[in-house]
Amino acid sequence: MTSFLDMDGYGVYIWTSYALSFAFVIGAAAHSWKRERQHKKHGLKLRQ
C-alpha cells in the first residue's frame, strides 16, 4: 500500500494533481449550482 501511495517517488506530485483537479471540479459544480439558483430567483422576480 505504501508503494502505491509513493508511486515510485512521484506520489506527492500525482496526489497533489488529483486533489487540485478534484477541488476544481467541485468548485466549478458549486459555482454552476449557485448561478443557476441566482438565475431562477431573478427570473421569478421578473415574472411577478
PDB file of N, CA and C in Angstrom:
ATOM      1  N   MET A   1       0.823  -1.195   0.000  1.00  0.00           N
ATOM      2  CA  MET A   1       0.000   0.000   0.000  1.00  0.00           C
ATOM      3  C   MET A   1       0.864   1.255   0.000  1.00  0.00           C
ATOM      4  N   THR A   2       1.947   1.219   0.753  1.00  0.00           N
ATOM      5  CA  THR A   2       2.839   2.370   0.819  1.00  0.00           C
ATOM      6  C   THR A   2       3.478   2.641  -0.534  1.00  0.00           C
ATOM      7  N   SER A   3       3.862   1.573  -1.239  1.00  0.00           N
ATOM      8  CA  SER A   3       4.473   1.771  -2.558  1.00  0.00           C
ATOM      9  C   SER A   3       3.462   2.339  -3.547  1.00  0.00           C
ATOM     10  N   PHE A   4       2.191   1.968  -3.386  1.00  0.00           N
ATOM     11  CA  PHE A   4       1.154   2.529  -4.253  1.00  0.00           C
ATOM     12  C   PHE A   4       1.008   4.026  -4.012  1.00  0.00           C
ATOM     13  N   LEU A   5       0.976   4.437  -2.752  1.00  0.00           N
ATOM     14  CA  LEU A   5       0.837   5.855  -2.432  1.00  0.00           C
ATOM     15  C   LEU A   5       2.084   6.649  -2.808  1.00  0.00           C
ATOM     16  N   ASP A   6       3.246   6.017  -2.711  1.00  0.00           N
ATOM     17  CA  ASP A   6       4.503   6.683  -3.042  1.00  0.00           C
ATOM     18  C   ASP A   6       4.671   6.836  -4.554  1.00  0.00           C
ATOM     19  N   MET A   7       4.186   5.881  -5.324  1.00  0.00           N
ATOM     20  CA  MET A   7       4.238   5.884  -6.794  1.00  0.00           C
ATOM     21  C   MET A   7       5.641   6.182  -7.313  1.00  0.00           C
ATOM     22  N   ASP A   8       6.572   5.376  -6.861  1.00  0.00           N
ATOM     23  CA  ASP A   8       7.974   5.471  -7.293  1.00  0.00           C
ATOM     24  C   ASP A   8       8.574   6.860  -7.086  1.00  0.00           C
ATOM     25  N   GLY A   9       8.182   7.534  -6.034  1.00  0.00           N
ATOM     26  CA  GLY A   9       8.750   8.836  -5.708  1.00  0.00           C
ATOM     27  C   GLY A   9       7.978  10.018  -6.280  1.00  0.00           C
ATOM     28  N   TYR A  10       6.984   9.743  -7.109  1.00  0.00           N
ATOM     29  CA  TYR A  10       6.198  10.816  -7.714  1.00  0.00           C
ATOM     30  C   TYR A  10       4.848  11.007  -7.026  1.00  0.00           C
ATOM     31  N   GLY A  11       4.634  10.331  -5.943  1.00  0.00           N
ATOM     32  CA  GLY A  11       3.348  10.374  -5.252  1.00  0.00           C
ATOM     33  C   GLY A  11       2.905  11.768  -4.843  1.00  0.00           C
ATOM     34  N   VAL A  12       3.828  12.577  -4.369  1.00  0.00           N
ATOM     35  CA  VAL A  12       3.480  13.935  -3.931  1.00  0.00           C
ATOM     36  C   VAL A  12       2.886  14.720  -5.096  1.00  0.00           C
ATOM     37  N   TYR A  13       3.509  14.628  -6.245  1.00  0.00           N
ATOM     38  CA  TYR A  13       3.038  15.379  -7.412  1.00  0.00           C
ATOM     39  C   TYR A  13       1.721  14.817  -7.945  1.00  0.00           C
ATOM     40  N   ILE A  14       1.628  13.496  -7.994  1.00  0.00           N
ATOM     41  CA  ILE A  14       0.424  12.856  -8.527  1.00  0.00           C
ATOM     42  C   ILE A  14      -0.774  13.119  -7.629  1.00  0.00           C
ATOM     43  N   TRP A  15      -0.612  12.917  -6.323  1.00  0.00           N
ATOM     44  CA  TRP A  15      -1.742  13.106  -5.413  1.00  0.00           C
ATOM     45  C   TRP A  15      -2.122  14.576  -5.293  1.00  0.00           C
ATOM     46  N   THR A  16      -1.144  15.476  -5.399  1.00  0.00           N
ATOM     47  CA  THR A  16      -1.455  16.903  -5.403  1.00  0.00           C
ATOM     48  C   THR A  16      -2.260  17.261  -6.647  1.00  0.00           C
ATOM     49  N   SER A  17      -1.881  16.697  -7.774  1.00  0.00           N
ATOM     50  CA  SER A  17      -2.623  16.944  -9.017  1.00  0.00           C
ATOM     51  C   SER A  17      -4.046  16.422  -8.916  1.00  0.00           C
ATOM     52  N   TYR A  18      -4.210  15.223  -8.365  1.00  0.00           N
ATOM     53  CA  TYR A  18      -5.555  14.677  -8.168  1.00  0.00           C
ATOM     54  C   TYR A  18      -6.379  15.576  -7.247  1.00  0.00           C
ATOM     55  N   ALA A  19      -5.778  16.033  -6.170  1.00  0.00           N
ATOM     56  CA  ALA A  19      -6.505  16.870  -5.207  1.00  0.00           C
ATOM     57  C   ALA A  19      -6.908  18.204  -5.828  1.00  0.00           C
ATOM     58  N   LEU A  20      -6.000  18.825  -6.570  1.00  0.00           N
ATOM     59  CA  LEU A  20      -6.327  20.099  -7.214  1.00  0.00           C
ATOM     60  C   LEU A  20      -7.406  19.927  -8.282  1.00  0.00           C
ATOM     61  N   SER A  21      -7.325  18.843  -9.033  1.00  0.00           N
ATOM     62  CA  SER A  21      -8.348  18.575 -10.052  1.00  0.00           C
ATOM     63  C   SER A  21      -9.704  18.347  -9.407  1.00  0.00           C
ATOM     64  N   PHE A  22      -9.728  17.585  -8.334  1.00  0.00           N
ATOM     65  CA  PHE A  22     -10.975  17.317  -7.623  1.00  0.00           C
ATOM     66  C   PHE A  22     -11.553  18.612  -7.062  1.00  0.00           C
ATOM     67  N   ALA A  23     -10.700  19.445  -6.481  1.00  0.00           N
ATOM     68  CA  ALA A  23     -11.165  20.722  -5.930  1.00  0.00           C
ATOM     69  C   ALA A  23     -11.714  21.623  -7.031  1.00  0.00           C
ATOM     70  N   PHE A  24     -11.075  21.622  -8.198  1.00  0.00           N
ATOM     71  CA  PHE A  24     -11.553  22.432  -9.314  1.00  0.00           C
ATOM     72  C   PHE A  24     -12.921  21.956  -9.791  1.00  0.00           C
ATOM     73  N   VAL A  25     -13.100  20.656  -9.917  1.00  0.00           N
ATOM     74  CA  VAL A  25     -14.385  20.112 -10.374  1.00  0.00           C
ATOM     75  C   VAL A  25     -15.484  20.434  -9.371  1.00  0.00           C
ATOM     76  N   ILE A  26     -15.215  20.270  -8.089  1.00  0.00           N
ATOM     77  CA  ILE A  26     -16.205  20.585  -7.059  1.00  0.00           C
ATOM     78  C   ILE A  26     -16.508  22.082  -7.060  1.00  0.00           C
ATOM     79  N   GLY A  27     -15.482  22.913  -7.194  1.00  0.00           N
ATOM     80  CA  GLY A  27     -15.684  24.358  -7.239  1.00  0.00           C
ATOM     81  C   GLY A  27     -16.500  24.784  -8.451  1.00  0.00           C
ATOM     82  N   ALA A  28     -16.234  24.182  -9.604  1.00  0.00           N
ATOM     83  CA  ALA A  28     -16.986  24.513 -10.816  1.00  0.00           C
ATOM     84  C   ALA A  28     -18.445  24.089 -10.684  1.00  0.00           C
ATOM     85  N   ALA A  29     -18.680  22.923 -10.096  1.00  0.00           N
ATOM     86  CA  ALA A  29     -20.055  22.460  -9.893  1.00  0.00           C
ATOM     87  C   ALA A  29     -20.791  23.369  -8.913  1.00  0.00           C
ATOM     88  N   ALA A  30     -20.130  23.767  -7.841  1.00  0.00           N
ATOM     89  CA  ALA A  30     -20.756  24.658  -6.857  1.00  0.00           C
ATOM     90  C   ALA A  30     -21.056  26.017  -7.478  1.00  0.00           C
ATOM     91  N   HIS A  31     -20.140  26.526  -8.276  1.00  0.00           N
ATOM     92  CA  HIS A  31     -20.351  27.812  -8.942  1.00  0.00           C
ATOM     93  C   HIS A  31     -21.537  27.723  -9.905  1.00  0.00           C
ATOM     94  N   SER A  32     -21.604  26.652 -10.652  1.00  0.00           N
ATOM     95  CA  SER A  32     -22.701  26.459 -11.600  1.00  0.00           C
ATOM     96  C   SER A  32     -24.038  26.364 -10.868  1.00  0.00           C
ATOM     97  N   TRP A  33     -24.054  25.629  -9.765  1.00  0.00           N
ATOM     98  CA  TRP A  33     -25.286  25.463  -8.988  1.00  0.00           C
ATOM     99  C   TRP A  33     -25.735  26.813  -8.418  1.00  0.00           C
ATOM    100  N   LYS A  34     -24.773  27.590  -7.922  1.00  0.00           N
ATOM    101  CA  LYS A  34     -25.096  28.900  -7.351  1.00  0.00           C
ATOM    102  C   LYS A  34     -25.645  29.836  -8.424  1.00  0.00           C
ATOM    103  N   ARG A  35     -25.033  29.860  -9.601  1.00  0.00           N
ATOM    104  CA  ARG A  35     -25.507  30.725 -10.686  1.00  0.00           C
ATOM    105  C   ARG A  35     -26.897  30.307 -11.154  1.00  0.00           C
ATOM    106  N   GLU A  36     -27.152  29.005 -11.197  1.00  0.00           N
ATOM    107  CA  GLU A  36     -28.478  28.531 -11.592  1.00  0.00           C
ATOM    108  C   GLU A  36     -29.532  29.019 -10.608  1.00  0.00           C
ATOM    109  N   ARG A  37     -29.227  28.936  -9.323  1.00  0.00           N
ATOM    110  CA  ARG A  37     -30.163  29.417  -8.307  1.00  0.00           C
ATOM    111  C   ARG A  37     -30.407  30.910  -8.456  1.00  0.00           C
ATOM    112  N   GLN A  38     -29.352  31.675  -8.724  1.00  0.00           N
ATOM    113  CA  GLN A  38     -29.494  33.120  -8.894  1.00  0.00           C
ATOM    114  C   GLN A  38     -30.349  33.448 -10.114  1.00  0.00           C
ATOM    115  N   HIS A  39     -30.153  32.719 -11.207  1.00  0.00           N
ATOM    116  CA  HIS A  39     -30.932  32.974 -12.416  1.00  0.00           C
ATOM    117  C   HIS A  39     -32.401  32.631 -12.206  1.00  0.00           C
ATOM    118  N   LYS A  40     -32.651  31.522 -11.518  1.00  0.00           N
ATOM    119  CA  LYS A  40     -34.039  31.154 -11.235  1.00  0.00           C
ATOM    120  C   LYS A  40     -34.700  32.198 -10.343  1.00  0.00           C
ATOM    121  N   LYS A  41     -33.972  32.657  -9.341  1.00  0.00           N
ATOM    122  CA  LYS A  41     -34.503  33.659  -8.420  1.00  0.00           C
ATOM    123  C   LYS A  41     -34.786  34.962  -9.163  1.00  0.00           C
ATOM    124  N   HIS A  42     -33.896  35.379 -10.006  1.00  0.00           N
ATOM    125  CA  HIS A  42     -34.059  36.603 -10.783  1.00  0.00           C
ATOM    126  C   HIS A  42     -35.218  36.455 -11.769  1.00  0.00           C
ATOM    127  N   GLY A  43     -35.347  35.308 -12.393  1.00  0.00           N
ATOM    128  CA  GLY A  43     -36.430  35.068 -13.336  1.00  0.00           C
ATOM    129  C   GLY A  43     -37.788  35.116 -12.665  1.00  0.00           C
ATOM    130  N   LEU A  44     -37.874  34.591 -11.454  1.00  0.00           N
ATOM    131  CA  LEU A  44     -39.147  34.614 -10.732  1.00  0.00           C
ATOM    132  C   LEU A  44     -39.524  36.041 -10.358  1.00  0.00           C
ATOM    133  N   LYS A  45     -38.543  36.878 -10.019  1.00  0.00           N
ATOM    134  CA  LYS A  45     -38.830  38.273  -9.670  1.00  0.00           C
ATOM    135  C   LYS A  45     -39.355  39.037 -10.882  1.00  0.00           C
ATOM    136  N   LEU A  46     -38.847  38.736 -12.068  1.00  0.00           N
ATOM    137  CA  LEU A  46     -39.292  39.436 -13.266  1.00  0.00           C
ATOM    138  C   LEU A  46     -40.730  39.069 -13.634  1.00  0.00           C
ATOM    139  N   ARG A  47     -41.143  37.844 -13.359  1.00  0.00           N
ATOM    140  CA  ARG A  47     -42.480  37.396 -13.735  1.00  0.00           C
ATOM    141  C   ARG A  47     -43.556  37.953 -12.817  1.00  0.00           C
ATOM    142  N   GLN A  48     -43.218  38.264 -11.588  1.00  0.00           N
ATOM    143  CA  GLN A  48     -44.235  38.685 -10.618  1.00  0.00           C
ATOM    144  C   GLN A  48     -44.525  40.120 -10.692  1.00  0.00           C
TER     145      GLN A  48
END
